[in-house]
Amino acid sequence: MSNKPSLSLQPIVSLHKNSSEFFDRFYEKNSNHMSCSLGCSKCCFVDLTVFQAEAYHIIEWVNFLSLENKLTLLKDLKSSEMAEQKNTAGKVNKPCSFLREGKCTIYDARPTICRTQGLALQYKISDEKNQIQLAVDHCPLNFKEENSLPNKAEWLDLDRLNALQSIAENFFLKNNLELRNQEIEKLINKKNRISLKKLKEFIVSQLESNGT
């Protein structure tokens, strides 16, 4: 079996790759002011939904795994979830359905939002005079010291990222006949997204039914 992404998934896979590379460059310059590291999972205590392209990418990534790695993944996903914790927003929440012992079990196929968390995110807002202004957001655990936030040239343009995400999703929706699965279609909510909780349950069911 070829591990090359299906045609309809190539735009989202490319966006994921570019997002990760952007994060790596940003982190290399600013790691002294960031808490992001192996074992930090504060941002993972949230119930996320993802685009359909991202859900199918995760499923395809699982299908590409070796039998040994599928067995490991199944064991991890069937193990007990971590206890509720405060997330970066200060809210007590259950962990992401794919988080185990502080580590992401689908790290290589994680969604865009997970790849950009921790960055300085630039977005546009309207002020009282309806003038467009730039705003910036970041994980509250990062850039806590005064004047530690990097300059604007290093911020990730969130509006542009969202536009690219929509382009990748629309391409997938128009070209996904080779991947379409009725059982996965049942997981789609009213906003045309899929919850990671339901996706995890589907993957566990598939791995078990395939004799993994």
N, C-alpha and C. Protein backbone atom coordinates (compact mmCIF):
# COMPACT_ATOMS: atom_id res chain seq x y z
N MET A 1 0.84 -1.19 0.00
CA MET A 1 0.00 0.00 0.00
C MET A 1 0.88 1.25 0.00
N SER A 2 0.55 2.19 -0.92
CA SER A 2 1.29 3.45 -0.96
C SER A 2 0.84 4.35 0.18
N ASN A 3 1.81 5.04 0.79
CA ASN A 3 1.49 5.96 1.87
C ASN A 3 1.27 7.38 1.37
N LYS A 4 1.16 7.53 0.07
CA LYS A 4 0.89 8.85 -0.49
C LYS A 4 -0.56 9.22 -0.23
N PRO A 5 -0.82 10.45 0.26
CA PRO A 5 -2.20 10.86 0.55
C PRO A 5 -3.08 10.77 -0.69
N SER A 6 -4.34 10.46 -0.49
CA SER A 6 -5.29 10.46 -1.60
C SER A 6 -5.36 11.86 -2.20
N LEU A 7 -5.70 11.93 -3.47
CA LEU A 7 -5.72 13.21 -4.18
C LEU A 7 -6.54 14.27 -3.44
N SER A 8 -7.71 13.90 -2.98
CA SER A 8 -8.59 14.88 -2.33
C SER A 8 -8.04 15.39 -1.01
N LEU A 9 -7.09 14.68 -0.43
CA LEU A 9 -6.51 15.07 0.85
C LEU A 9 -5.19 15.82 0.71
N GLN A 10 -4.66 15.87 -0.49
CA GLN A 10 -3.34 16.49 -0.65
C GLN A 10 -3.29 17.96 -0.24
N PRO A 11 -4.33 18.79 -0.52
CA PRO A 11 -4.27 20.18 -0.06
C PRO A 11 -4.23 20.31 1.46
N ILE A 12 -5.01 19.51 2.18
CA ILE A 12 -5.00 19.63 3.64
C ILE A 12 -3.69 19.09 4.21
N VAL A 13 -3.15 18.04 3.62
CA VAL A 13 -1.86 17.51 4.07
C VAL A 13 -0.77 18.55 3.84
N SER A 14 -0.82 19.23 2.71
CA SER A 14 0.16 20.28 2.41
C SER A 14 0.03 21.43 3.40
N LEU A 15 -1.20 21.82 3.73
CA LEU A 15 -1.41 22.89 4.71
C LEU A 15 -0.88 22.48 6.07
N HIS A 16 -1.10 21.25 6.47
CA HIS A 16 -0.57 20.75 7.74
C HIS A 16 0.95 20.83 7.76
N LYS A 17 1.57 20.41 6.67
CA LYS A 17 3.03 20.44 6.58
C LYS A 17 3.55 21.87 6.70
N ASN A 18 2.93 22.78 5.96
CA ASN A 18 3.36 24.18 6.00
C ASN A 18 3.14 24.80 7.37
N SER A 19 2.04 24.44 8.02
CA SER A 19 1.75 24.96 9.36
C SER A 19 2.79 24.49 10.37
N SER A 20 3.16 23.23 10.28
CA SER A 20 4.16 22.68 11.20
C SER A 20 5.52 23.32 10.96
N GLU A 21 5.86 23.53 9.70
CA GLU A 21 7.15 24.17 9.39
C GLU A 21 7.17 25.61 9.87
N PHE A 22 6.05 26.31 9.76
CA PHE A 22 5.95 27.68 10.28
C PHE A 22 6.17 27.68 11.79
N PHE A 23 5.51 26.73 12.47
CA PHE A 23 5.67 26.64 13.93
C PHE A 23 7.12 26.36 14.30
N ASP A 24 7.75 25.45 13.59
CA ASP A 24 9.14 25.10 13.91
C ASP A 24 10.07 26.30 13.78
N ARG A 25 9.88 27.09 12.72
CA ARG A 25 10.71 28.28 12.53
C ARG A 25 10.44 29.30 13.63
N PHE A 26 9.18 29.47 13.98
CA PHE A 26 8.79 30.41 15.02
C PHE A 26 9.36 29.98 16.37
N TYR A 27 9.25 28.69 16.65
CA TYR A 27 9.71 28.16 17.94
C TYR A 27 11.23 28.28 18.06
N GLU A 28 11.93 28.05 16.98
CA GLU A 28 13.39 28.15 17.00
C GLU A 28 13.84 29.54 17.44
N LYS A 29 13.09 30.55 17.03
CA LYS A 29 13.44 31.93 17.38
C LYS A 29 12.94 32.35 18.76
N ASN A 30 11.83 31.76 19.21
CA ASN A 30 11.14 32.29 20.39
C ASN A 30 10.95 31.28 21.51
N SER A 31 11.64 30.16 21.47
CA SER A 31 11.41 29.09 22.46
C SER A 31 11.65 29.54 23.89
N ASN A 32 12.51 30.53 24.10
CA ASN A 32 12.80 31.00 25.46
C ASN A 32 11.58 31.62 26.13
N HIS A 33 10.60 32.00 25.33
CA HIS A 33 9.40 32.65 25.86
C HIS A 33 8.15 31.79 25.68
N MET A 34 8.37 30.50 25.36
CA MET A 34 7.24 29.61 25.09
C MET A 34 7.28 28.39 26.00
N SER A 35 6.09 27.95 26.43
CA SER A 35 5.99 26.76 27.27
C SER A 35 5.75 25.49 26.46
N CYS A 36 5.56 25.64 25.15
CA CYS A 36 5.29 24.50 24.29
C CYS A 36 6.46 23.53 24.29
N SER A 37 6.21 22.31 24.70
CA SER A 37 7.25 21.27 24.71
C SER A 37 6.57 19.93 24.94
N LEU A 38 7.31 18.86 24.73
CA LEU A 38 6.77 17.53 24.96
C LEU A 38 6.30 17.41 26.40
N GLY A 39 5.06 17.02 26.60
CA GLY A 39 4.52 16.88 27.94
C GLY A 39 3.58 18.00 28.33
N CYS A 40 3.66 19.14 27.63
CA CYS A 40 2.71 20.22 27.88
C CYS A 40 1.47 19.95 27.04
N SER A 41 0.34 19.72 27.69
CA SER A 41 -0.88 19.39 26.96
C SER A 41 -2.06 20.24 27.45
N LYS A 42 -1.77 21.39 28.02
CA LYS A 42 -2.83 22.26 28.54
C LYS A 42 -3.84 22.63 27.46
N CYS A 43 -3.35 22.84 26.24
CA CYS A 43 -4.25 23.24 25.15
C CYS A 43 -5.06 22.06 24.62
N CYS A 44 -4.79 20.86 25.11
CA CYS A 44 -5.47 19.66 24.62
C CYS A 44 -6.70 19.30 25.44
N PHE A 45 -6.98 20.08 26.48
CA PHE A 45 -8.15 19.79 27.31
C PHE A 45 -9.34 20.58 26.79
N VAL A 46 -9.82 20.12 25.66
CA VAL A 46 -10.92 20.78 24.97
C VAL A 46 -11.57 19.76 24.04
N ASP A 47 -12.87 19.92 23.82
CA ASP A 47 -13.61 19.01 22.95
C ASP A 47 -13.68 19.64 21.56
N LEU A 48 -12.82 19.20 20.67
CA LEU A 48 -12.72 19.81 19.35
C LEU A 48 -13.56 19.09 18.30
N THR A 49 -13.99 19.88 17.32
CA THR A 49 -14.50 19.32 16.08
C THR A 49 -13.52 19.71 14.98
N VAL A 50 -13.47 18.92 13.93
CA VAL A 50 -12.52 19.19 12.85
C VAL A 50 -13.24 19.17 11.51
N PHE A 51 -12.58 19.74 10.51
CA PHE A 51 -13.11 19.69 9.15
C PHE A 51 -13.13 18.24 8.67
N GLN A 52 -14.02 17.96 7.72
CA GLN A 52 -14.13 16.60 7.20
C GLN A 52 -12.82 16.13 6.57
N ALA A 53 -12.14 17.02 5.88
CA ALA A 53 -10.86 16.63 5.27
C ALA A 53 -9.88 16.18 6.34
N GLU A 54 -9.87 16.85 7.48
CA GLU A 54 -8.95 16.49 8.55
C GLU A 54 -9.33 15.15 9.17
N ALA A 55 -10.63 14.91 9.31
CA ALA A 55 -11.08 13.63 9.86
C ALA A 55 -10.68 12.48 8.94
N TYR A 56 -10.92 12.64 7.65
CA TYR A 56 -10.55 11.59 6.70
C TYR A 56 -9.04 11.42 6.63
N HIS A 57 -8.30 12.51 6.80
CA HIS A 57 -6.83 12.40 6.81
C HIS A 57 -6.37 11.56 7.99
N ILE A 58 -6.98 11.77 9.15
CA ILE A 58 -6.63 10.98 10.34
C ILE A 58 -6.92 9.50 10.09
N ILE A 59 -8.08 9.23 9.50
CA ILE A 59 -8.46 7.84 9.21
C ILE A 59 -7.48 7.21 8.23
N GLU A 60 -7.13 7.94 7.18
CA GLU A 60 -6.19 7.40 6.20
C GLU A 60 -4.83 7.17 6.83
N TRP A 61 -4.40 8.09 7.70
CA TRP A 61 -3.12 7.94 8.40
C TRP A 61 -3.13 6.66 9.23
N VAL A 62 -4.24 6.38 9.91
CA VAL A 62 -4.36 5.15 10.70
C VAL A 62 -4.27 3.94 9.78
N ASN A 63 -4.93 4.00 8.64
CA ASN A 63 -4.91 2.87 7.70
C ASN A 63 -3.51 2.58 7.18
N PHE A 64 -2.67 3.61 7.10
CA PHE A 64 -1.31 3.45 6.61
C PHE A 64 -0.36 2.86 7.65
N LEU A 65 -0.77 2.84 8.92
CA LEU A 65 0.10 2.35 9.98
C LEU A 65 0.40 0.86 9.81
N SER A 66 1.55 0.45 10.30
CA SER A 66 1.87 -0.98 10.33
C SER A 66 0.96 -1.67 11.33
N LEU A 67 0.86 -2.99 11.23
CA LEU A 67 0.01 -3.74 12.15
C LEU A 67 0.45 -3.50 13.59
N GLU A 68 1.74 -3.48 13.83
CA GLU A 68 2.26 -3.25 15.18
C GLU A 68 1.82 -1.89 15.72
N ASN A 69 1.91 -0.88 14.89
CA ASN A 69 1.52 0.46 15.32
C ASN A 69 0.01 0.60 15.48
N LYS A 70 -0.74 -0.14 14.67
CA LYS A 70 -2.19 -0.14 14.84
C LYS A 70 -2.57 -0.77 16.18
N LEU A 71 -1.89 -1.84 16.54
CA LEU A 71 -2.15 -2.49 17.83
C LEU A 71 -1.83 -1.55 18.98
N THR A 72 -0.73 -0.83 18.86
CA THR A 72 -0.35 0.13 19.90
C THR A 72 -1.37 1.24 20.01
N LEU A 73 -1.81 1.75 18.86
CA LEU A 73 -2.81 2.82 18.86
C LEU A 73 -4.12 2.34 19.47
N LEU A 74 -4.56 1.15 19.10
CA LEU A 74 -5.80 0.62 19.65
C LEU A 74 -5.70 0.47 21.17
N LYS A 75 -4.59 -0.04 21.63
CA LYS A 75 -4.38 -0.19 23.07
C LYS A 75 -4.44 1.17 23.77
N ASP A 76 -3.79 2.16 23.17
CA ASP A 76 -3.78 3.50 23.76
C ASP A 76 -5.18 4.10 23.80
N LEU A 77 -5.91 3.98 22.71
CA LEU A 77 -7.23 4.59 22.62
C LEU A 77 -8.25 3.91 23.53
N LYS A 78 -8.01 2.64 23.86
CA LYS A 78 -8.92 1.93 24.76
C LYS A 78 -8.53 2.09 26.22
N SER A 79 -7.37 2.68 26.47
CA SER A 79 -6.93 2.90 27.85
C SER A 79 -7.69 4.08 28.45
N SER A 80 -7.58 4.23 29.76
CA SER A 80 -8.32 5.28 30.47
C SER A 80 -7.84 6.66 30.05
N GLU A 81 -8.78 7.58 29.92
CA GLU A 81 -8.43 8.96 29.62
C GLU A 81 -7.86 9.64 30.85
N MET A 82 -7.13 10.72 30.63
CA MET A 82 -6.61 11.50 31.73
C MET A 82 -7.76 12.20 32.45
N ALA A 83 -7.54 12.56 33.71
CA ALA A 83 -8.56 13.25 34.49
C ALA A 83 -8.75 14.67 33.96
N GLU A 84 -9.88 15.26 34.29
CA GLU A 84 -10.13 16.64 33.89
C GLU A 84 -9.07 17.58 34.46
N GLN A 85 -8.74 18.59 33.68
CA GLN A 85 -7.76 19.59 34.11
C GLN A 85 -8.19 20.96 33.59
N LYS A 86 -7.57 21.99 34.15
CA LYS A 86 -7.78 23.33 33.61
C LYS A 86 -7.00 23.46 32.31
N ASN A 87 -7.66 24.01 31.30
CA ASN A 87 -6.97 24.23 30.03
C ASN A 87 -6.40 25.64 29.99
N THR A 88 -5.89 26.04 28.84
CA THR A 88 -5.24 27.35 28.74
C THR A 88 -6.23 28.50 28.92
N ALA A 89 -7.52 28.22 28.78
CA ALA A 89 -8.54 29.25 29.00
C ALA A 89 -8.98 29.31 30.45
N GLY A 90 -8.39 28.44 31.28
CA GLY A 90 -8.73 28.42 32.70
C GLY A 90 -9.98 27.63 33.02
N LYS A 91 -10.51 26.89 32.04
CA LYS A 91 -11.71 26.10 32.25
C LYS A 91 -11.35 24.64 32.49
N VAL A 92 -12.03 24.02 33.47
CA VAL A 92 -11.82 22.60 33.74
C VAL A 92 -12.55 21.80 32.66
N ASN A 93 -11.82 20.94 32.00
CA ASN A 93 -12.41 20.22 30.88
C ASN A 93 -11.79 18.84 30.76
N LYS A 94 -12.50 17.96 30.06
CA LYS A 94 -11.95 16.64 29.75
C LYS A 94 -10.90 16.79 28.66
N PRO A 95 -9.98 15.85 28.57
CA PRO A 95 -8.94 15.93 27.53
C PRO A 95 -9.49 15.57 26.16
N CYS A 96 -8.77 15.95 25.14
CA CYS A 96 -9.06 15.50 23.78
C CYS A 96 -9.12 13.97 23.78
N SER A 97 -10.01 13.43 23.00
CA SER A 97 -10.19 11.97 22.97
C SER A 97 -8.96 11.22 22.49
N PHE A 98 -8.03 11.91 21.86
CA PHE A 98 -6.82 11.26 21.36
C PHE A 98 -5.61 11.51 22.26
N LEU A 99 -5.81 12.15 23.41
CA LEU A 99 -4.70 12.43 24.33
C LEU A 99 -4.58 11.29 25.34
N ARG A 100 -3.37 10.77 25.49
CA ARG A 100 -3.11 9.73 26.47
C ARG A 100 -1.77 10.02 27.15
N GLU A 101 -1.81 10.09 28.49
CA GLU A 101 -0.60 10.33 29.29
C GLU A 101 0.16 11.56 28.80
N GLY A 102 -0.58 12.59 28.45
CA GLY A 102 0.02 13.85 28.05
C GLY A 102 0.56 13.88 26.63
N LYS A 103 0.32 12.82 25.86
CA LYS A 103 0.84 12.75 24.49
C LYS A 103 -0.30 12.54 23.50
N CYS A 104 -0.13 13.11 22.32
CA CYS A 104 -1.12 12.96 21.25
C CYS A 104 -0.88 11.64 20.52
N THR A 105 -1.90 10.80 20.45
CA THR A 105 -1.75 9.49 19.81
C THR A 105 -1.82 9.58 18.28
N ILE A 106 -2.26 10.73 17.76
CA ILE A 106 -2.34 10.91 16.30
C ILE A 106 -1.48 12.10 15.88
N TYR A 107 -0.38 12.31 16.57
CA TYR A 107 0.43 13.52 16.41
C TYR A 107 0.76 13.83 14.95
N ASP A 108 1.15 12.83 14.19
CA ASP A 108 1.56 13.07 12.80
C ASP A 108 0.39 13.49 11.91
N ALA A 109 -0.84 13.22 12.34
CA ALA A 109 -2.02 13.57 11.55
C ALA A 109 -2.91 14.59 12.25
N ARG A 110 -2.38 15.24 13.27
CA ARG A 110 -3.18 16.18 14.06
C ARG A 110 -3.70 17.33 13.19
N PRO A 111 -4.83 17.92 13.59
CA PRO A 111 -5.44 19.01 12.81
C PRO A 111 -4.61 20.29 12.80
N THR A 112 -4.99 21.20 11.93
CA THR A 112 -4.29 22.48 11.80
C THR A 112 -4.25 23.24 13.11
N ILE A 113 -5.37 23.31 13.81
CA ILE A 113 -5.44 24.09 15.04
C ILE A 113 -4.42 23.61 16.07
N CYS A 114 -4.13 22.33 16.07
CA CYS A 114 -3.15 21.78 17.01
C CYS A 114 -1.72 22.12 16.59
N ARG A 115 -1.51 22.33 15.31
CA ARG A 115 -0.18 22.63 14.79
C ARG A 115 0.18 24.11 14.98
N THR A 116 -0.82 24.95 15.15
CA THR A 116 -0.57 26.39 15.26
C THR A 116 -0.79 26.92 16.67
N GLN A 117 -1.30 26.10 17.56
CA GLN A 117 -1.49 26.53 18.95
C GLN A 117 -0.14 26.91 19.56
N GLY A 118 -0.10 28.05 20.21
CA GLY A 118 1.14 28.52 20.83
C GLY A 118 1.80 29.64 20.07
N LEU A 119 1.43 29.79 18.80
CA LEU A 119 1.98 30.86 17.98
C LEU A 119 1.34 32.20 18.34
N ALA A 120 1.95 33.28 17.88
CA ALA A 120 1.31 34.59 17.92
C ALA A 120 0.40 34.66 16.70
N LEU A 121 -0.91 34.75 16.93
CA LEU A 121 -1.89 34.68 15.85
C LEU A 121 -2.47 36.06 15.57
N GLN A 122 -2.26 36.52 14.37
CA GLN A 122 -2.75 37.84 13.96
C GLN A 122 -4.12 37.70 13.30
N TYR A 123 -5.06 38.59 13.65
CA TYR A 123 -6.37 38.59 13.01
C TYR A 123 -6.91 40.02 12.98
N LYS A 124 -7.91 40.25 12.17
CA LYS A 124 -8.47 41.59 11.99
C LYS A 124 -9.74 41.77 12.82
N ILE A 125 -9.89 42.95 13.40
CA ILE A 125 -11.11 43.32 14.14
C ILE A 125 -11.52 44.72 13.71
N SER A 126 -12.78 45.06 13.98
CA SER A 126 -13.27 46.41 13.69
C SER A 126 -13.38 47.19 14.99
N ASP A 127 -12.89 48.43 15.00
CA ASP A 127 -12.99 49.25 16.21
C ASP A 127 -14.32 49.99 16.23
N GLU A 128 -14.48 50.92 17.19
CA GLU A 128 -15.75 51.63 17.35
C GLU A 128 -16.11 52.46 16.12
N LYS A 129 -15.12 52.88 15.36
CA LYS A 129 -15.37 53.68 14.16
C LYS A 129 -15.42 52.81 12.91
N ASN A 130 -15.55 51.50 13.13
CA ASN A 130 -15.61 50.53 12.04
C ASN A 130 -14.34 50.51 11.19
N GLN A 131 -13.24 50.87 11.83
CA GLN A 131 -11.93 50.82 11.18
C GLN A 131 -11.31 49.45 11.45
N ILE A 132 -10.70 48.87 10.45
CA ILE A 132 -10.07 47.57 10.61
C ILE A 132 -8.74 47.72 11.35
N GLN A 133 -8.59 46.94 12.41
CA GLN A 133 -7.37 46.96 13.20
C GLN A 133 -6.81 45.54 13.30
N LEU A 134 -5.51 45.45 13.50
CA LEU A 134 -4.89 44.14 13.71
C LEU A 134 -4.86 43.83 15.20
N ALA A 135 -5.20 42.60 15.53
CA ALA A 135 -5.12 42.13 16.91
C ALA A 135 -4.24 40.89 16.93
N VAL A 136 -3.77 40.52 18.10
CA VAL A 136 -2.92 39.33 18.22
C VAL A 136 -3.35 38.53 19.43
N ASP A 137 -3.33 37.22 19.28
CA ASP A 137 -3.69 36.32 20.37
C ASP A 137 -2.60 35.26 20.48
N HIS A 138 -2.44 34.71 21.66
CA HIS A 138 -1.47 33.62 21.86
C HIS A 138 -1.82 32.87 23.13
N CYS A 139 -1.24 31.71 23.28
CA CYS A 139 -1.44 30.93 24.50
C CYS A 139 -1.00 31.76 25.71
N PRO A 140 -1.81 31.83 26.77
CA PRO A 140 -1.44 32.63 27.94
C PRO A 140 -0.22 32.11 28.68
N LEU A 141 0.22 30.90 28.36
CA LEU A 141 1.43 30.36 28.99
C LEU A 141 2.69 30.83 28.26
N ASN A 142 2.50 31.43 27.10
CA ASN A 142 3.63 31.93 26.30
C ASN A 142 3.73 33.45 26.37
N PHE A 143 4.93 33.95 26.20
CA PHE A 143 5.19 35.40 26.13
C PHE A 143 4.62 36.13 27.35
N LYS A 144 4.89 35.60 28.52
CA LYS A 144 4.37 36.18 29.76
C LYS A 144 5.20 37.38 30.23
N GLU A 145 6.47 37.42 29.81
CA GLU A 145 7.32 38.53 30.23
C GLU A 145 7.01 39.78 29.39
N GLU A 146 7.23 40.93 29.97
CA GLU A 146 6.99 42.18 29.27
C GLU A 146 7.90 42.29 28.04
N ASN A 147 7.31 42.74 26.95
CA ASN A 147 8.03 42.95 25.68
C ASN A 147 8.63 41.66 25.10
N SER A 148 8.07 40.51 25.46
CA SER A 148 8.59 39.24 24.94
C SER A 148 7.90 38.80 23.65
N LEU A 149 6.78 39.43 23.32
CA LEU A 149 6.06 39.06 22.10
C LEU A 149 6.88 39.44 20.87
N PRO A 150 7.06 38.54 19.93
CA PRO A 150 7.85 38.85 18.73
C PRO A 150 7.18 39.93 17.88
N ASN A 151 7.92 40.48 16.95
CA ASN A 151 7.36 41.55 16.12
C ASN A 151 6.35 40.98 15.12
N LYS A 152 5.59 41.87 14.51
CA LYS A 152 4.47 41.48 13.65
C LYS A 152 4.90 40.60 12.48
N ALA A 153 6.11 40.78 12.01
CA ALA A 153 6.57 40.01 10.86
C ALA A 153 6.57 38.51 11.14
N GLU A 154 6.60 38.13 12.41
CA GLU A 154 6.65 36.72 12.79
C GLU A 154 5.28 36.15 13.15
N TRP A 155 4.26 36.99 13.20
CA TRP A 155 2.93 36.51 13.57
C TRP A 155 2.33 35.68 12.43
N LEU A 156 1.50 34.72 12.79
CA LEU A 156 0.78 33.93 11.79
C LEU A 156 -0.53 34.64 11.46
N ASP A 157 -0.78 34.86 10.19
CA ASP A 157 -2.01 35.53 9.74
C ASP A 157 -3.16 34.53 9.81
N LEU A 158 -3.98 34.65 10.85
CA LEU A 158 -5.04 33.68 11.09
C LEU A 158 -6.12 33.76 10.01
N ASP A 159 -6.40 34.95 9.52
CA ASP A 159 -7.41 35.09 8.47
C ASP A 159 -6.98 34.35 7.20
N ARG A 160 -5.72 34.48 6.86
CA ARG A 160 -5.19 33.78 5.68
C ARG A 160 -5.20 32.26 5.91
N LEU A 161 -4.82 31.85 7.11
CA LEU A 161 -4.83 30.42 7.42
C LEU A 161 -6.23 29.85 7.29
N ASN A 162 -7.23 30.57 7.81
CA ASN A 162 -8.61 30.10 7.71
C ASN A 162 -9.07 30.01 6.26
N ALA A 163 -8.62 30.95 5.44
CA ALA A 163 -8.98 30.92 4.02
C ALA A 163 -8.37 29.69 3.34
N LEU A 164 -7.12 29.40 3.64
CA LEU A 164 -6.45 28.23 3.07
C LEU A 164 -7.10 26.94 3.56
N GLN A 165 -7.54 26.94 4.82
CA GLN A 165 -8.23 25.77 5.37
C GLN A 165 -9.54 25.53 4.62
N SER A 166 -10.26 26.60 4.34
CA SER A 166 -11.53 26.48 3.62
C SER A 166 -11.31 25.99 2.19
N ILE A 167 -10.25 26.46 1.56
CA ILE A 167 -9.92 26.01 0.20
C ILE A 167 -9.63 24.50 0.20
N ALA A 168 -8.85 24.06 1.18
CA ALA A 168 -8.52 22.63 1.27
C ALA A 168 -9.76 21.79 1.54
N GLU A 169 -10.65 22.31 2.39
CA GLU A 169 -11.89 21.59 2.71
C GLU A 169 -12.79 21.51 1.48
N ASN A 170 -12.95 22.61 0.78
CA ASN A 170 -13.81 22.61 -0.41
C ASN A 170 -13.26 21.69 -1.50
N PHE A 171 -11.95 21.66 -1.65
CA PHE A 171 -11.34 20.75 -2.62
C PHE A 171 -11.65 19.31 -2.24
N PHE A 172 -11.55 19.00 -0.97
CA PHE A 172 -11.84 17.64 -0.51
C PHE A 172 -13.30 17.28 -0.78
N LEU A 173 -14.21 18.18 -0.44
CA LEU A 173 -15.64 17.89 -0.59
C LEU A 173 -16.03 17.65 -2.05
N LYS A 174 -15.31 18.28 -2.97
CA LYS A 174 -15.62 18.14 -4.39
C LYS A 174 -14.94 16.93 -5.04
N ASN A 175 -13.95 16.36 -4.35
CA ASN A 175 -13.13 15.33 -4.99
C ASN A 175 -12.93 14.07 -4.13
N ASN A 176 -13.86 13.82 -3.21
CA ASN A 176 -13.61 12.75 -2.25
C ASN A 176 -14.36 11.45 -2.52
N LEU A 177 -14.80 11.24 -3.75
CA LEU A 177 -15.59 10.04 -4.04
C LEU A 177 -14.83 8.76 -3.72
N GLU A 178 -13.51 8.78 -3.88
CA GLU A 178 -12.73 7.55 -3.65
C GLU A 178 -12.62 7.22 -2.16
N LEU A 179 -12.94 8.19 -1.30
CA LEU A 179 -12.80 7.96 0.14
C LEU A 179 -14.13 7.89 0.87
N ARG A 180 -15.18 8.39 0.26
CA ARG A 180 -16.45 8.56 0.97
C ARG A 180 -16.90 7.27 1.63
N ASN A 181 -17.29 7.40 2.89
CA ASN A 181 -17.70 6.25 3.70
C ASN A 181 -18.99 6.60 4.42
N GLN A 182 -20.02 5.79 4.24
CA GLN A 182 -21.33 6.10 4.81
C GLN A 182 -21.29 6.18 6.33
N GLU A 183 -20.48 5.34 6.95
CA GLU A 183 -20.39 5.36 8.42
C GLU A 183 -19.75 6.65 8.91
N ILE A 184 -18.77 7.15 8.17
CA ILE A 184 -18.13 8.41 8.55
C ILE A 184 -19.09 9.57 8.31
N GLU A 185 -19.87 9.49 7.22
CA GLU A 185 -20.83 10.56 6.92
C GLU A 185 -21.83 10.74 8.06
N LYS A 186 -22.12 9.67 8.78
CA LYS A 186 -23.06 9.76 9.90
C LYS A 186 -22.50 10.58 11.06
N LEU A 187 -21.19 10.76 11.09
CA LEU A 187 -20.55 11.50 12.18
C LEU A 187 -20.61 13.01 11.98
N ILE A 188 -20.96 13.45 10.78
CA ILE A 188 -20.93 14.88 10.45
C ILE A 188 -22.06 15.61 11.17
N ASN A 189 -21.70 16.72 11.85
CA ASN A 189 -22.72 17.48 12.58
C ASN A 189 -23.35 18.56 11.69
N LYS A 190 -24.20 19.39 12.29
CA LYS A 190 -24.94 20.40 11.52
C LYS A 190 -24.03 21.47 10.94
N LYS A 191 -22.83 21.59 11.48
CA LYS A 191 -21.88 22.58 10.96
C LYS A 191 -20.89 21.94 9.97
N ASN A 192 -21.24 20.72 9.54
CA ASN A 192 -20.43 19.98 8.56
C ASN A 192 -19.03 19.64 9.08
N ARG A 193 -18.95 19.46 10.38
CA ARG A 193 -17.68 19.07 11.00
C ARG A 193 -17.86 17.75 11.75
N ILE A 194 -16.76 17.18 12.21
CA ILE A 194 -16.79 15.90 12.91
C ILE A 194 -16.08 16.06 14.25
N SER A 195 -16.71 15.61 15.32
CA SER A 195 -16.08 15.72 16.63
C SER A 195 -14.98 14.67 16.76
N LEU A 196 -13.90 15.05 17.42
CA LEU A 196 -12.80 14.10 17.62
C LEU A 196 -13.24 12.94 18.52
N LYS A 197 -14.19 13.20 19.39
CA LYS A 197 -14.69 12.13 20.26
C LYS A 197 -15.35 11.03 19.43
N LYS A 198 -16.22 11.43 18.52
CA LYS A 198 -16.89 10.44 17.67
C LYS A 198 -15.91 9.80 16.69
N LEU A 199 -14.95 10.57 16.24
CA LEU A 199 -13.95 10.02 15.33
C LEU A 199 -13.11 8.96 16.02
N LYS A 200 -12.75 9.21 17.25
CA LYS A 200 -11.97 8.22 18.02
C LYS A 200 -12.77 6.93 18.19
N GLU A 201 -14.07 7.06 18.49
CA GLU A 201 -14.92 5.87 18.66
C GLU A 201 -15.00 5.09 17.35
N PHE A 202 -15.09 5.80 16.23
CA PHE A 202 -15.15 5.15 14.92
C PHE A 202 -13.86 4.39 14.63
N ILE A 203 -12.73 5.02 14.92
CA ILE A 203 -11.42 4.39 14.65
C ILE A 203 -11.24 3.14 15.50
N VAL A 204 -11.61 3.22 16.76
CA VAL A 204 -11.52 2.05 17.64
C VAL A 204 -12.37 0.91 17.09
N SER A 205 -13.60 1.24 16.67
CA SER A 205 -14.50 0.24 16.12
C SER A 205 -13.93 -0.40 14.86
N GLN A 206 -13.34 0.42 13.99
CA GLN A 206 -12.76 -0.08 12.75
C GLN A 206 -11.55 -0.98 13.01
N LEU A 207 -10.70 -0.55 13.93
CA LEU A 207 -9.52 -1.36 14.25
C LEU A 207 -9.93 -2.71 14.84
N GLU A 208 -10.94 -2.70 15.67
CA GLU A 208 -11.41 -3.96 16.27
C GLU A 208 -12.07 -4.86 15.24
N SER A 209 -12.88 -4.27 14.37
CA SER A 209 -13.59 -5.09 13.37
C SER A 209 -12.65 -5.66 12.31
N ASN A 210 -11.51 -5.00 12.13
CA ASN A 210 -10.51 -5.50 11.18
C ASN A 210 -9.55 -6.50 11.80
N GLY A 211 -9.81 -6.85 13.05
CA GLY A 211 -8.99 -7.86 13.71
C GLY A 211 -7.66 -7.37 14.20
N THR A 212 -7.54 -6.05 14.36
CA THR A 212 -6.27 -5.49 14.85
C THR A 212 -6.03 -5.90 16.29
